C-alpha atoms as a PDB file:
ATOM      1  CA  UNK A   1      35.449  14.163  -4.650  1.00  0.00           C
ATOM      2  CA  UNK A   2      33.187  11.699  -2.866  1.00  0.00           C
ATOM      3  CA  UNK A   3      33.555  10.318   0.630  1.00  0.00           C
ATOM      4  CA  UNK A   4      32.784   6.877   1.899  1.00  0.00           C
ATOM      5  CA  UNK A   5      29.514   6.720   3.832  1.00  0.00           C
ATOM      6  CA  UNK A   6      28.455   4.206   6.469  1.00  0.00           C
ATOM      7  CA  UNK A   7      24.881   3.684   7.555  1.00  0.00           C
ATOM      8  CA  UNK A   8      22.597   0.939   8.842  1.00  0.00           C
ATOM      9  CA  UNK A   9      19.527  -0.137   6.945  1.00  0.00           C
ATOM     10  CA  UNK A  10      16.748  -1.991   8.695  1.00  0.00           C
ATOM     11  CA  UNK A  11      13.988  -2.816   6.219  1.00  0.00           C
ATOM     12  CA  UNK A  12      11.156  -4.728   7.835  1.00  0.00           C
ATOM     13  CA  UNK A  13       8.391  -4.028   5.336  1.00  0.00           C
ATOM     14  CA  UNK A  14       7.013  -7.066   3.577  1.00  0.00           C
ATOM     15  CA  UNK A  15       4.929  -7.069   0.435  1.00  0.00           C
ATOM     16  CA  UNK A  16       2.140  -9.578  -0.164  1.00  0.00           C
ATOM     17  CA  UNK A  17       0.730  -9.905  -3.645  1.00  0.00           C
ATOM     18  CA  UNK A  18      -2.949 -10.740  -4.058  1.00  0.00           C
ATOM     19  CA  UNK A  19      -4.834 -11.139  -7.311  1.00  0.00           C
ATOM     20  CA  UNK A  20      -7.583  -8.559  -7.876  1.00  0.00           C
ATOM     21  CA  UNK A  21     -10.102  -8.630 -10.701  1.00  0.00           C
ATOM     22  CA  UNK A  22      -9.121  -6.062 -13.367  1.00  0.00           C
ATOM     23  CA  UNK A  23     -12.455  -4.217 -13.185  1.00  0.00           C
ATOM     24  CA  UNK A  24     -12.201  -3.957  -9.393  1.00  0.00           C
ATOM     25  CA  UNK A  25      -8.593  -2.757  -9.619  1.00  0.00           C
ATOM     26  CA  UNK A  26      -9.665  -0.033 -12.045  1.00  0.00           C
ATOM     27  CA  UNK A  27     -12.431   1.131  -9.681  1.00  0.00           C
ATOM     28  CA  UNK A  28     -10.071   1.095  -6.690  1.00  0.00           C
ATOM     29  CA  UNK A  29      -7.508   3.149  -8.589  1.00  0.00           C
ATOM     30  CA  UNK A  30     -10.141   5.713  -9.555  1.00  0.00           C
ATOM     31  CA  UNK A  31     -11.449   5.970  -5.977  1.00  0.00           C
ATOM     32  CA  UNK A  32      -7.929   6.330  -4.595  1.00  0.00           C
ATOM     33  CA  UNK A  33      -7.134   9.065  -7.130  1.00  0.00           C
ATOM     34  CA  UNK A  34     -10.290  10.969  -6.087  1.00  0.00           C
ATOM     35  CA  UNK A  35      -9.171  10.790  -2.458  1.00  0.00           C
ATOM     36  CA  UNK A  36      -5.636  11.844  -3.307  1.00  0.00           C
ATOM     37  CA  UNK A  37      -3.993   8.666  -2.033  1.00  0.00           C
ATOM     38  CA  UNK A  38      -2.319   5.697  -3.639  1.00  0.00           C
ATOM     39  CA  UNK A  39      -4.334   2.599  -4.434  1.00  0.00           C
ATOM     40  CA  UNK A  40      -2.147   0.687  -1.971  1.00  0.00           C
ATOM     41  CA  UNK A  41      -2.956   3.148   0.822  1.00  0.00           C
ATOM     42  CA  UNK A  42      -6.677   3.031   0.122  1.00  0.00           C
ATOM     43  CA  UNK A  43      -6.741  -0.768   0.135  1.00  0.00           C
ATOM     44  CA  UNK A  44      -4.709  -0.974   3.349  1.00  0.00           C
ATOM     45  CA  UNK A  45      -6.994   1.517   5.126  1.00  0.00           C
ATOM     46  CA  UNK A  46     -10.140  -0.297   4.009  1.00  0.00           C
ATOM     47  CA  UNK A  47      -8.791  -3.730   4.920  1.00  0.00           C
ATOM     48  CA  UNK A  48      -7.674  -2.485   8.334  1.00  0.00           C
ATOM     49  CA  UNK A  49     -11.157  -1.072   8.982  1.00  0.00           C
ATOM     50  CA  UNK A  50     -12.826  -4.319   7.890  1.00  0.00           C
ATOM     51  CA  UNK A  51     -10.571  -6.477  10.051  1.00  0.00           C
ATOM     52  CA  UNK A  52     -11.356  -4.298  13.086  1.00  0.00           C
ATOM     53  CA  UNK A  53     -15.096  -4.731  12.384  1.00  0.00           C
ATOM     54  CA  UNK A  54     -14.964  -8.512  12.414  1.00  0.00           C
ATOM     55  CA  UNK A  55     -12.336  -8.932  15.133  1.00  0.00           C
END
């Protein structure tokens, strides 16, 4: 028997798609795998660092 469940969901994450050259994507994926993180995480960390440098 199942019971009715009530809960609030507040999803604020947004996804932005950006084209990346296939060869670059392959290299990024390999580097991320070596570091044990997802490609998305690696890219976000690197972009955050770069933005801080130029800000």
